[in-house]
Amino acid sequence: MARIHPLADVQCANIGENTAVWQFCVILPNARIGSNCNICANVFIENNVTIGDYVIIKSGVQIWDGVTIEDNVFIGPNVTFTNDLAPRSGLKEWKRYETLVKKGASIGANSTIIANCTIGSYAFVGAGSVVTKDIPDYTVWYGNPAKQKGYITADGILLDMNQTDKTGKKHTI
């Protein structure tokens, strides 16, 4: 059974076992959230959102329609996803874009993920980054706009652009 804080506004019934939803979260009715997730305070999750199992979503995150987050993903505090490439107030028709965060990826605090991007499996996006294009599996990106700065193993060992760790050991990804 999910653990829902009494000060959360959870309109959704599709929340997996052992998921915790903390205070001041808003989760709309059609969202789907997996098991063993931790959704920290002040998170907004819109309707057409799918979140896998063992996902950590830190405080202040907004996840809009069209975002899919696979299993074992870490979303740092105040990460914002977008779903419109040319937003305008008052438009009745607009194109919603999809965003995919693949298994094991990590997104650092205060990053912005522009719509229509895929963040690859086990990829690492550094804090404060602005992601404007697809990020391949097992790569490290940061900056504005985010640029590739290295690689990362599934275990979280940071590698340089030659796939070498800080001890000088070469890895194969």
C-alpha atoms as a PDB file:
ATOM      1  CA  MET A   1       0.000   0.000   0.000  1.00  0.00           C
ATOM      2  CA  ALA A   2       1.225   3.498  -0.856  1.00  0.00           C
ATOM      3  CA  ARG A   3       1.912   5.975   1.950  1.00  0.00           C
ATOM      4  CA  ILE A   4       0.224   9.314   1.187  1.00  0.00           C
ATOM      5  CA  HIS A   5       0.820  12.308   3.465  1.00  0.00           C
ATOM      6  CA  PRO A   6      -2.502  13.839   4.574  1.00  0.00           C
ATOM      7  CA  LEU A   7      -1.480  17.242   3.152  1.00  0.00           C
ATOM      8  CA  ALA A   8      -0.927  15.832  -0.358  1.00  0.00           C
ATOM      9  CA  ASP A   9      -3.595  16.206  -3.066  1.00  0.00           C
ATOM     10  CA  VAL A  10      -3.454  12.778  -4.692  1.00  0.00           C
ATOM     11  CA  GLN A  11      -6.295  12.325  -7.184  1.00  0.00           C
ATOM     12  CA  CYS A  12      -4.683   9.244  -8.726  1.00  0.00           C
ATOM     13  CA  ALA A  13      -5.428   5.627  -7.815  1.00  0.00           C
ATOM     14  CA  ASN A  14      -2.561   4.189  -9.916  1.00  0.00           C
ATOM     15  CA  ILE A  15       0.204   4.273  -7.295  1.00  0.00           C
ATOM     16  CA  GLY A  16       2.250   1.159  -6.572  1.00  0.00           C
ATOM     17  CA  GLU A  17       3.046  -0.581  -3.311  1.00  0.00           C
ATOM     18  CA  ASN A  18       5.443   1.071  -0.858  1.00  0.00           C
ATOM     19  CA  THR A  19       5.514   4.386  -2.716  1.00  0.00           C
ATOM     20  CA  ALA A  20       5.665   7.427  -0.425  1.00  0.00           C
ATOM     21  CA  VAL A  21       4.063  10.742  -1.415  1.00  0.00           C
ATOM     22  CA  TRP A  22       4.967  13.629   0.886  1.00  0.00           C
ATOM     23  CA  GLN A  23       3.186  16.855   1.824  1.00  0.00           C
ATOM     24  CA  PHE A  24       1.980  19.459  -0.668  1.00  0.00           C
ATOM     25  CA  CYS A  25       2.282  17.156  -3.684  1.00  0.00           C
ATOM     26  CA  VAL A  26      -0.370  17.280  -6.393  1.00  0.00           C
ATOM     27  CA  ILE A  27      -0.861  14.166  -8.508  1.00  0.00           C
ATOM     28  CA  LEU A  28      -3.602  14.316 -11.144  1.00  0.00           C
ATOM     29  CA  PRO A  29      -6.044  11.417 -11.755  1.00  0.00           C
ATOM     30  CA  ASN A  30      -4.558   9.700 -14.810  1.00  0.00           C
ATOM     31  CA  ALA A  31      -0.902   9.587 -13.732  1.00  0.00           C
ATOM     32  CA  ARG A  32       0.657   6.134 -13.252  1.00  0.00           C
ATOM     33  CA  ILE A  33       3.292   5.709 -10.560  1.00  0.00           C
ATOM     34  CA  GLY A  34       5.182   2.502  -9.818  1.00  0.00           C
ATOM     35  CA  SER A  35       6.190   0.758  -6.604  1.00  0.00           C
ATOM     36  CA  ASN A  36       8.853   1.722  -4.079  1.00  0.00           C
ATOM     37  CA  CYS A  37       9.069   5.335  -5.249  1.00  0.00           C
ATOM     38  CA  ASN A  38       9.762   8.351  -3.036  1.00  0.00           C
ATOM     39  CA  ILE A  39       7.980  11.517  -4.148  1.00  0.00           C
ATOM     40  CA  CYS A  40       9.171  14.344  -1.914  1.00  0.00           C
ATOM     41  CA  ALA A  41       7.297  17.516  -0.904  1.00  0.00           C
ATOM     42  CA  ASN A  42       5.951  20.066  -3.398  1.00  0.00           C
ATOM     43  CA  VAL A  43       6.000  17.840  -6.488  1.00  0.00           C
ATOM     44  CA  PHE A  44       3.426  18.300  -9.271  1.00  0.00           C
ATOM     45  CA  ILE A  45       2.614  15.340 -11.536  1.00  0.00           C
ATOM     46  CA  GLU A  46       0.181  15.932 -14.398  1.00  0.00           C
ATOM     47  CA  ASN A  47      -2.257  13.396 -15.966  1.00  0.00           C
ATOM     48  CA  ASN A  48      -0.401  11.803 -18.874  1.00  0.00           C
ATOM     49  CA  VAL A  49       2.717  10.875 -16.880  1.00  0.00           C
ATOM     50  CA  THR A  50       4.158   7.412 -16.299  1.00  0.00           C
ATOM     51  CA  ILE A  51       6.697   6.791 -13.544  1.00  0.00           C
ATOM     52  CA  GLY A  52       8.381   3.402 -13.084  1.00  0.00           C
ATOM     53  CA  ASP A  53       9.489   1.552  -9.948  1.00  0.00           C
ATOM     54  CA  TYR A  54      12.184   2.665  -7.471  1.00  0.00           C
ATOM     55  CA  VAL A  55      12.126   6.277  -8.691  1.00  0.00           C
ATOM     56  CA  ILE A  56      13.215   9.117  -6.398  1.00  0.00           C
ATOM     57  CA  ILE A  57      11.713  12.523  -7.148  1.00  0.00           C
ATOM     58  CA  LYS A  58      13.069  15.244  -4.875  1.00  0.00           C
ATOM     59  CA  SER A  59      11.175  18.368  -3.772  1.00  0.00           C
ATOM     60  CA  GLY A  60       9.939  21.063  -6.141  1.00  0.00           C
ATOM     61  CA  VAL A  61       9.819  18.981  -9.337  1.00  0.00           C
ATOM     62  CA  GLN A  62       7.197  19.537 -12.065  1.00  0.00           C
ATOM     63  CA  ILE A  63       6.374  16.652 -14.388  1.00  0.00           C
ATOM     64  CA  TRP A  64       3.995  17.617 -17.205  1.00  0.00           C
ATOM     65  CA  ASP A  65       1.847  15.572 -19.597  1.00  0.00           C
ATOM     66  CA  GLY A  66       3.924  13.490 -22.005  1.00  0.00           C
ATOM     67  CA  VAL A  67       6.783  12.593 -19.636  1.00  0.00           C
ATOM     68  CA  THR A  68       7.730   8.940 -19.065  1.00  0.00           C
ATOM     69  CA  ILE A  69      10.249   8.055 -16.370  1.00  0.00           C
ATOM     70  CA  GLU A  70      11.475   4.456 -16.324  1.00  0.00           C
ATOM     71  CA  ASP A  71      12.674   2.401 -13.303  1.00  0.00           C
ATOM     72  CA  ASN A  72      15.481   3.368 -10.899  1.00  0.00           C
ATOM     73  CA  VAL A  73      15.659   7.028 -11.962  1.00  0.00           C
ATOM     74  CA  PHE A  74      16.785   9.878  -9.697  1.00  0.00           C
ATOM     75  CA  ILE A  75      15.239  13.326 -10.274  1.00  0.00           C
ATOM     76  CA  GLY A  76      16.956  16.017  -8.186  1.00  0.00           C
ATOM     77  CA  PRO A  77      15.296  18.958  -6.442  1.00  0.00           C
ATOM     78  CA  ASN A  78      13.587  21.618  -8.570  1.00  0.00           C
ATOM     79  CA  VAL A  79      14.017  19.795 -11.884  1.00  0.00           C
ATOM     80  CA  THR A  80      11.513  21.054 -14.443  1.00  0.00           C
ATOM     81  CA  PHE A  81      10.277  19.179 -17.486  1.00  0.00           C
ATOM     82  CA  THR A  82       8.597  20.993 -20.382  1.00  0.00           C
ATOM     83  CA  ASN A  83       6.169  19.645 -22.976  1.00  0.00           C
ATOM     84  CA  ASP A  84       5.724  22.540 -25.433  1.00  0.00           C
ATOM     85  CA  LEU A  85       8.458  23.899 -27.704  1.00  0.00           C
ATOM     86  CA  ALA A  86       6.687  27.206 -28.440  1.00  0.00           C
ATOM     87  CA  PRO A  87       4.363  28.025 -25.518  1.00  0.00           C
ATOM     88  CA  ARG A  88       1.875  30.861 -25.903  1.00  0.00           C
ATOM     89  CA  SER A  89      -0.887  31.911 -23.536  1.00  0.00           C
ATOM     90  CA  GLY A  90      -4.428  31.449 -24.783  1.00  0.00           C
ATOM     91  CA  LEU A  91      -3.735  28.982 -27.597  1.00  0.00           C
ATOM     92  CA  LYS A  92      -6.537  26.434 -27.821  1.00  0.00           C
ATOM     93  CA  GLU A  93      -4.501  24.029 -29.933  1.00  0.00           C
ATOM     94  CA  TRP A  94      -0.843  23.300 -29.441  1.00  0.00           C
ATOM     95  CA  LYS A  95       1.484  20.375 -29.983  1.00  0.00           C
ATOM     96  CA  ARG A  96       2.496  18.422 -26.903  1.00  0.00           C
ATOM     97  CA  TYR A  97       5.897  16.749 -27.114  1.00  0.00           C
ATOM     98  CA  GLU A  98       6.994  13.574 -25.327  1.00  0.00           C
ATOM     99  CA  THR A  99      10.035  13.182 -23.078  1.00  0.00           C
ATOM    100  CA  LEU A 100      11.571   9.873 -21.987  1.00  0.00           C
ATOM    101  CA  VAL A 101      13.959   9.320 -19.075  1.00  0.00           C
ATOM    102  CA  LYS A 102      15.348   5.812 -19.367  1.00  0.00           C
ATOM    103  CA  LYS A 103      16.214   3.287 -16.666  1.00  0.00           C
ATOM    104  CA  GLY A 104      18.847   4.271 -14.122  1.00  0.00           C
ATOM    105  CA  ALA A 105      19.338   7.868 -15.302  1.00  0.00           C
ATOM    106  CA  SER A 106      20.073  10.691 -12.829  1.00  0.00           C
ATOM    107  CA  ILE A 107      19.115  14.342 -13.295  1.00  0.00           C
ATOM    108  CA  GLY A 108      20.757  16.894 -10.998  1.00  0.00           C
ATOM    109  CA  ALA A 109      19.082  19.710  -9.071  1.00  0.00           C
ATOM    110  CA  ASN A 110      17.646  22.722 -10.926  1.00  0.00           C
ATOM    111  CA  SER A 111      17.994  21.153 -14.357  1.00  0.00           C
ATOM    112  CA  THR A 112      15.493  21.937 -17.096  1.00  0.00           C
ATOM    113  CA  ILE A 113      14.573  19.220 -19.569  1.00  0.00           C
ATOM    114  CA  ILE A 114      13.271  20.717 -22.805  1.00  0.00           C
ATOM    115  CA  ALA A 115      10.444  18.741 -24.432  1.00  0.00           C
ATOM    116  CA  ASN A 116      11.039  16.071 -27.055  1.00  0.00           C
ATOM    117  CA  CYS A 117      14.271  14.728 -25.529  1.00  0.00           C
ATOM    118  CA  THR A 118      15.310  11.253 -24.439  1.00  0.00           C
ATOM    119  CA  ILE A 119      17.746  10.857 -21.564  1.00  0.00           C
ATOM    120  CA  GLY A 120      19.484   7.513 -21.989  1.00  0.00           C
ATOM    121  CA  SER A 121      19.872   4.623 -19.576  1.00  0.00           C
ATOM    122  CA  TYR A 122      22.218   5.390 -16.675  1.00  0.00           C
ATOM    123  CA  ALA A 123      23.021   8.809 -18.134  1.00  0.00           C
ATOM    124  CA  PHE A 124      23.947  11.559 -15.695  1.00  0.00           C
ATOM    125  CA  VAL A 125      22.802  15.169 -16.085  1.00  0.00           C
ATOM    126  CA  GLY A 126      24.678  17.561 -13.799  1.00  0.00           C
ATOM    127  CA  ALA A 127      22.978  20.129 -11.587  1.00  0.00           C
ATOM    128  CA  GLY A 128      21.722  23.288 -13.278  1.00  0.00           C
ATOM    129  CA  SER A 129      21.872  21.862 -16.783  1.00  0.00           C
ATOM    130  CA  VAL A 130      19.533  22.713 -19.639  1.00  0.00           C
ATOM    131  CA  VAL A 131      18.936  19.610 -21.753  1.00  0.00           C
ATOM    132  CA  THR A 132      18.031  20.579 -25.329  1.00  0.00           C
ATOM    133  CA  LYS A 133      18.703  17.310 -27.183  1.00  0.00           C
ATOM    134  CA  ASP A 134      18.840  13.550 -26.707  1.00  0.00           C
ATOM    135  CA  ILE A 135      21.426  12.212 -24.277  1.00  0.00           C
ATOM    136  CA  PRO A 136      22.921   8.778 -25.043  1.00  0.00           C
ATOM    137  CA  ASP A 137      23.136   5.923 -22.537  1.00  0.00           C
ATOM    138  CA  TYR A 138      25.991   5.996 -19.976  1.00  0.00           C
ATOM    139  CA  THR A 139      27.057   9.569 -20.728  1.00  0.00           C
ATOM    140  CA  VAL A 140      27.644  12.602 -18.474  1.00  0.00           C
ATOM    141  CA  TRP A 141      26.266  15.997 -19.512  1.00  0.00           C
ATOM    142  CA  TYR A 142      26.159  19.420 -17.885  1.00  0.00           C
ATOM    143  CA  GLY A 143      25.984  23.115 -18.681  1.00  0.00           C
ATOM    144  CA  ASN A 144      23.639  25.455 -20.526  1.00  0.00           C
ATOM    145  CA  PRO A 145      23.052  24.070 -23.017  1.00  0.00           C
ATOM    146  CA  ALA A 146      24.165  20.709 -21.662  1.00  0.00           C
ATOM    147  CA  LYS A 147      27.182  19.204 -23.434  1.00  0.00           C
ATOM    148  CA  GLN A 148      28.782  15.805 -23.050  1.00  0.00           C
ATOM    149  CA  LYS A 149      31.652  15.889 -20.558  1.00  0.00           C
ATOM    150  CA  GLY A 150      32.322  12.174 -20.104  1.00  0.00           C
ATOM    151  CA  TYR A 151      30.830   8.780 -19.383  1.00  0.00           C
ATOM    152  CA  ILE A 152      29.448   6.966 -16.347  1.00  0.00           C
ATOM    153  CA  THR A 153      29.109   3.299 -15.428  1.00  0.00           C
ATOM    154  CA  ALA A 154      25.878   1.723 -14.173  1.00  0.00           C
ATOM    155  CA  ASP A 155      27.539   1.749 -10.720  1.00  0.00           C
ATOM    156  CA  GLY A 156      28.043   5.520 -10.878  1.00  0.00           C
ATOM    157  CA  ILE A 157      31.778   5.661 -11.607  1.00  0.00           C
ATOM    158  CA  LEU A 158      32.493   8.895 -13.485  1.00  0.00           C
ATOM    159  CA  LEU A 159      34.733   8.526 -16.518  1.00  0.00           C
ATOM    160  CA  ASP A 160      36.412  11.074 -18.746  1.00  0.00           C
ATOM    161  CA  MET A 161      35.886  11.277 -22.506  1.00  0.00           C
ATOM    162  CA  ASN A 162      38.370   8.393 -22.933  1.00  0.00           C
ATOM    163  CA  GLN A 163      36.306   6.222 -20.547  1.00  0.00           C
ATOM    164  CA  THR A 164      39.017   6.380 -17.890  1.00  0.00           C
ATOM    165  CA  ASP A 165      38.242   6.821 -14.185  1.00  0.00           C
ATOM    166  CA  LYS A 166      40.131   9.130 -11.795  1.00  0.00           C
ATOM    167  CA  THR A 167      42.578   6.319 -10.901  1.00  0.00           C
ATOM    168  CA  GLY A 168      43.546   5.892 -14.558  1.00  0.00           C
ATOM    169  CA  LYS A 169      41.664   2.639 -15.061  1.00  0.00           C
ATOM    170  CA  LYS A 170      40.070   2.293 -18.485  1.00  0.00           C
ATOM    171  CA  HIS A 171      36.454   1.045 -18.574  1.00  0.00           C
ATOM    172  CA  THR A 172      34.366  -0.467 -21.334  1.00  0.00           C
ATOM    173  CA  ILE A 173      30.746   0.619 -21.439  1.00  0.00           C
END
